[in-house]
Amino acid sequence: MLVRDLAMKREFGQGFDQSEYNEGGILLCSESFFVPPDFVRVWYWTDGKNIALLTYVCADSSGREELVDCEEMARSLRHQQSASTLVPDTK
């Protein structure tokens, strides 16, 4: 899995809270890590043609309440060909 490859290269250590979301042609794989003194969440997003790496980093003891919002944003991303960028799906 790409998340684990990144974690190994960056020496993040053992991951936890792995998840996979696969809906509407979107695949999102994610995993969390404690990289003292920080908490790190990594997502790989793909629509089968495009791929994106997304990360969220916060102090180990604070900020993780935003993780639910980050997960929602990651799941809502769609590739916009005209701009060749990822944008949240507003539907």
N, C-alpha and C. Protein backbone atom coordinates (compact mmCIF):
# COMPACT_ATOMS: atom_id res chain seq x y z
N MET A 1 0.83 -1.17 0.00
CA MET A 1 0.00 0.00 0.00
C MET A 1 0.89 1.24 0.00
N LEU A 2 0.48 2.25 -0.73
CA LEU A 2 1.26 3.48 -0.83
C LEU A 2 1.46 4.18 0.50
N VAL A 3 0.46 4.13 1.37
CA VAL A 3 0.58 4.79 2.67
C VAL A 3 1.74 4.18 3.45
N ARG A 4 1.82 2.87 3.46
CA ARG A 4 2.90 2.20 4.20
C ARG A 4 4.26 2.48 3.58
N ASP A 5 4.32 2.54 2.26
CA ASP A 5 5.59 2.88 1.60
C ASP A 5 6.07 4.27 2.04
N LEU A 6 5.16 5.23 2.07
CA LEU A 6 5.50 6.57 2.51
C LEU A 6 5.96 6.55 3.97
N ALA A 7 5.23 5.82 4.80
CA ALA A 7 5.55 5.74 6.23
C ALA A 7 6.94 5.13 6.45
N MET A 8 7.28 4.13 5.68
CA MET A 8 8.60 3.52 5.80
C MET A 8 9.69 4.48 5.38
N LYS A 9 9.49 5.16 4.26
CA LYS A 9 10.49 6.10 3.76
C LYS A 9 10.69 7.27 4.72
N ARG A 10 9.64 7.71 5.36
CA ARG A 10 9.70 8.85 6.29
C ARG A 10 9.97 8.41 7.73
N GLU A 11 10.08 7.09 7.92
CA GLU A 11 10.34 6.51 9.25
C GLU A 11 9.28 6.93 10.27
N PHE A 12 8.00 6.82 9.88
CA PHE A 12 6.90 7.16 10.75
C PHE A 12 6.68 6.14 11.86
N GLY A 13 7.14 4.93 11.66
CA GLY A 13 6.90 3.87 12.63
C GLY A 13 5.59 3.16 12.37
N GLN A 14 5.11 2.45 13.39
CA GLN A 14 3.90 1.64 13.27
C GLN A 14 2.66 2.51 13.12
N GLY A 15 1.86 2.22 12.12
CA GLY A 15 0.62 2.94 11.90
C GLY A 15 -0.55 2.30 12.60
N PHE A 16 -1.67 2.99 12.62
CA PHE A 16 -2.90 2.48 13.22
C PHE A 16 -4.09 3.16 12.55
N ASP A 17 -5.27 2.69 12.86
CA ASP A 17 -6.51 3.27 12.34
C ASP A 17 -6.51 3.32 10.81
N GLN A 18 -6.16 2.19 10.20
CA GLN A 18 -6.16 2.10 8.74
C GLN A 18 -7.61 2.06 8.24
N SER A 19 -7.83 2.70 7.11
CA SER A 19 -9.17 2.63 6.52
C SER A 19 -9.07 2.70 5.00
N GLU A 20 -10.12 2.20 4.39
CA GLU A 20 -10.22 2.26 2.93
C GLU A 20 -11.66 2.63 2.59
N TYR A 21 -11.79 3.61 1.72
CA TYR A 21 -13.09 4.09 1.25
C TYR A 21 -13.11 3.88 -0.25
N ASN A 22 -14.14 3.22 -0.75
CA ASN A 22 -14.24 2.93 -2.17
C ASN A 22 -15.69 3.13 -2.60
N GLU A 23 -15.95 4.28 -3.22
CA GLU A 23 -17.32 4.59 -3.61
C GLU A 23 -17.31 5.56 -4.79
N GLY A 24 -18.20 5.34 -5.74
CA GLY A 24 -18.35 6.25 -6.87
C GLY A 24 -17.10 6.43 -7.70
N GLY A 25 -16.29 5.38 -7.80
CA GLY A 25 -15.06 5.47 -8.60
C GLY A 25 -13.89 6.10 -7.87
N ILE A 26 -14.07 6.41 -6.59
CA ILE A 26 -13.01 7.02 -5.79
C ILE A 26 -12.50 5.99 -4.79
N LEU A 27 -11.19 5.84 -4.72
CA LEU A 27 -10.55 4.98 -3.72
C LEU A 27 -9.70 5.88 -2.83
N LEU A 28 -9.90 5.77 -1.54
CA LEU A 28 -9.18 6.57 -0.56
C LEU A 28 -8.64 5.62 0.51
N CYS A 29 -7.32 5.53 0.61
CA CYS A 29 -6.68 4.69 1.62
C CYS A 29 -6.00 5.61 2.63
N SER A 30 -6.13 5.30 3.91
CA SER A 30 -5.57 6.18 4.92
C SER A 30 -5.05 5.39 6.11
N GLU A 31 -4.16 6.05 6.86
CA GLU A 31 -3.59 5.46 8.06
C GLU A 31 -3.05 6.60 8.94
N SER A 32 -3.07 6.38 10.26
CA SER A 32 -2.58 7.37 11.21
C SER A 32 -1.26 6.92 11.82
N PHE A 33 -0.48 7.92 12.28
CA PHE A 33 0.82 7.66 12.88
C PHE A 33 1.07 8.66 13.99
N PHE A 34 1.78 8.21 15.03
CA PHE A 34 2.33 9.13 16.02
C PHE A 34 3.79 9.30 15.65
N VAL A 35 4.15 10.52 15.29
CA VAL A 35 5.52 10.87 14.96
C VAL A 35 5.90 11.97 15.95
N PRO A 36 6.39 11.55 17.13
CA PRO A 36 6.60 12.52 18.21
C PRO A 36 7.30 13.79 17.74
N PRO A 37 6.74 14.93 18.12
CA PRO A 37 5.61 15.11 19.04
C PRO A 37 4.26 15.25 18.33
N ASP A 38 4.15 14.79 17.11
CA ASP A 38 2.96 15.04 16.30
C ASP A 38 2.12 13.80 16.02
N PHE A 39 0.87 14.06 15.71
CA PHE A 39 -0.06 13.09 15.15
C PHE A 39 -0.11 13.36 13.65
N VAL A 40 -0.02 12.31 12.83
CA VAL A 40 -0.03 12.45 11.38
C VAL A 40 -1.08 11.50 10.80
N ARG A 41 -1.92 12.02 9.92
CA ARG A 41 -2.87 11.19 9.16
C ARG A 41 -2.50 11.35 7.70
N VAL A 42 -2.40 10.22 6.98
CA VAL A 42 -2.01 10.20 5.57
C VAL A 42 -3.12 9.54 4.77
N TRP A 43 -3.49 10.17 3.66
CA TRP A 43 -4.46 9.60 2.73
C TRP A 43 -3.84 9.55 1.34
N TYR A 44 -4.14 8.50 0.60
CA TYR A 44 -3.90 8.48 -0.84
C TYR A 44 -5.26 8.41 -1.49
N TRP A 45 -5.51 9.31 -2.41
CA TRP A 45 -6.78 9.43 -3.12
C TRP A 45 -6.53 9.10 -4.58
N THR A 46 -7.42 8.33 -5.21
CA THR A 46 -7.34 8.09 -6.65
C THR A 46 -8.73 7.91 -7.24
N ASP A 47 -8.84 8.34 -8.49
CA ASP A 47 -10.07 8.09 -9.25
C ASP A 47 -9.80 7.09 -10.36
N GLY A 48 -8.65 6.42 -10.30
CA GLY A 48 -8.27 5.44 -11.31
C GLY A 48 -7.38 6.01 -12.39
N LYS A 49 -7.38 7.32 -12.54
CA LYS A 49 -6.53 8.00 -13.53
C LYS A 49 -5.57 8.96 -12.86
N ASN A 50 -5.98 9.54 -11.76
CA ASN A 50 -5.20 10.55 -11.04
C ASN A 50 -4.96 10.05 -9.62
N ILE A 51 -3.90 10.56 -9.01
CA ILE A 51 -3.59 10.19 -7.63
C ILE A 51 -3.15 11.43 -6.87
N ALA A 52 -3.49 11.46 -5.58
CA ALA A 52 -3.10 12.59 -4.74
C ALA A 52 -2.71 12.08 -3.36
N LEU A 53 -1.72 12.71 -2.77
CA LEU A 53 -1.30 12.46 -1.40
C LEU A 53 -1.83 13.60 -0.55
N LEU A 54 -2.55 13.26 0.53
CA LEU A 54 -3.08 14.27 1.44
C LEU A 54 -2.55 13.96 2.84
N THR A 55 -2.21 14.99 3.59
CA THR A 55 -1.73 14.78 4.95
C THR A 55 -2.38 15.77 5.90
N TYR A 56 -2.48 15.36 7.15
CA TYR A 56 -2.94 16.21 8.24
C TYR A 56 -1.97 16.00 9.39
N VAL A 57 -1.43 17.07 9.92
CA VAL A 57 -0.48 17.00 11.03
C VAL A 57 -0.95 17.95 12.12
N CYS A 58 -0.93 17.47 13.36
CA CYS A 58 -1.26 18.33 14.49
C CYS A 58 -0.45 17.88 15.69
N ALA A 59 -0.41 18.74 16.71
CA ALA A 59 0.25 18.37 17.95
C ALA A 59 -0.42 17.12 18.50
N ASP A 60 0.37 16.21 19.02
CA ASP A 60 -0.14 14.92 19.50
C ASP A 60 -1.33 15.07 20.44
N SER A 61 -1.32 16.08 21.27
CA SER A 61 -2.36 16.20 22.29
C SER A 61 -3.53 17.11 21.90
N SER A 62 -3.48 17.71 20.71
CA SER A 62 -4.57 18.62 20.36
C SER A 62 -4.83 18.62 18.86
N GLY A 63 -6.00 19.07 18.50
CA GLY A 63 -6.30 19.28 17.09
C GLY A 63 -6.92 18.11 16.36
N ARG A 64 -6.95 16.94 16.99
CA ARG A 64 -7.48 15.80 16.25
C ARG A 64 -8.98 15.84 16.04
N GLU A 65 -9.67 16.74 16.72
CA GLU A 65 -11.11 16.87 16.50
C GLU A 65 -11.40 17.32 15.07
N GLU A 66 -10.41 17.92 14.41
CA GLU A 66 -10.57 18.34 13.01
C GLU A 66 -10.49 17.17 12.04
N LEU A 67 -10.07 16.03 12.52
CA LEU A 67 -9.86 14.87 11.66
C LEU A 67 -11.12 14.42 10.94
N VAL A 68 -12.27 14.52 11.59
CA VAL A 68 -13.54 14.14 10.97
C VAL A 68 -13.79 15.03 9.75
N ASP A 69 -13.56 16.34 9.90
CA ASP A 69 -13.73 17.26 8.77
C ASP A 69 -12.74 16.94 7.65
N CYS A 70 -11.52 16.62 8.01
CA CYS A 70 -10.50 16.27 6.99
C CYS A 70 -10.92 15.03 6.21
N GLU A 71 -11.45 14.05 6.92
CA GLU A 71 -11.90 12.81 6.27
C GLU A 71 -13.03 13.11 5.29
N GLU A 72 -13.97 13.94 5.69
CA GLU A 72 -15.07 14.32 4.80
C GLU A 72 -14.56 15.03 3.56
N MET A 73 -13.62 15.96 3.75
CA MET A 73 -13.06 16.68 2.61
C MET A 73 -12.33 15.73 1.66
N ALA A 74 -11.57 14.81 2.22
CA ALA A 74 -10.83 13.85 1.39
C ALA A 74 -11.79 13.00 0.57
N ARG A 75 -12.87 12.57 1.19
CA ARG A 75 -13.85 11.74 0.48
C ARG A 75 -14.60 12.51 -0.60
N SER A 76 -14.70 13.82 -0.45
CA SER A 76 -15.48 14.61 -1.40
C SER A 76 -14.67 15.11 -2.60
N LEU A 77 -13.36 14.89 -2.59
CA LEU A 77 -12.52 15.40 -3.69
C LEU A 77 -12.88 14.77 -5.02
N ARG A 78 -12.82 15.57 -6.06
CA ARG A 78 -13.02 15.11 -7.44
C ARG A 78 -12.00 15.84 -8.31
N HIS A 79 -11.52 15.19 -9.32
CA HIS A 79 -10.56 15.82 -10.23
C HIS A 79 -11.31 16.68 -11.22
N GLN A 80 -10.86 17.91 -11.38
CA GLN A 80 -11.47 18.84 -12.33
C GLN A 80 -10.51 18.97 -13.51
N GLN A 81 -10.86 18.35 -14.62
CA GLN A 81 -9.94 18.29 -15.76
C GLN A 81 -9.55 19.64 -16.32
N SER A 82 -10.47 20.58 -16.36
CA SER A 82 -10.16 21.86 -16.98
C SER A 82 -9.03 22.59 -16.26
N ALA A 83 -8.95 22.40 -14.95
CA ALA A 83 -7.91 23.08 -14.18
C ALA A 83 -6.81 22.12 -13.76
N SER A 84 -7.02 20.84 -13.99
CA SER A 84 -6.10 19.80 -13.56
C SER A 84 -5.78 19.91 -12.08
N THR A 85 -6.83 20.11 -11.29
CA THR A 85 -6.69 20.19 -9.84
C THR A 85 -7.78 19.39 -9.16
N LEU A 86 -7.59 19.12 -7.88
CA LEU A 86 -8.60 18.46 -7.09
C LEU A 86 -9.43 19.53 -6.41
N VAL A 87 -10.74 19.35 -6.45
CA VAL A 87 -11.65 20.29 -5.81
C VAL A 87 -12.71 19.50 -5.04
N PRO A 88 -13.22 20.07 -3.94
CA PRO A 88 -14.30 19.39 -3.22
C PRO A 88 -15.53 19.30 -4.11
N ASP A 89 -16.24 18.19 -4.01
CA ASP A 89 -17.49 18.00 -4.73
C ASP A 89 -18.57 18.79 -4.00
N THR A 90 -19.19 19.72 -4.69
CA THR A 90 -20.20 20.58 -4.06
C THR A 90 -21.62 20.10 -4.30
N LYS A 91 -21.77 18.92 -4.85
CA LYS A 91 -23.13 18.40 -5.12
C LYS A 91 -23.82 17.95 -3.86
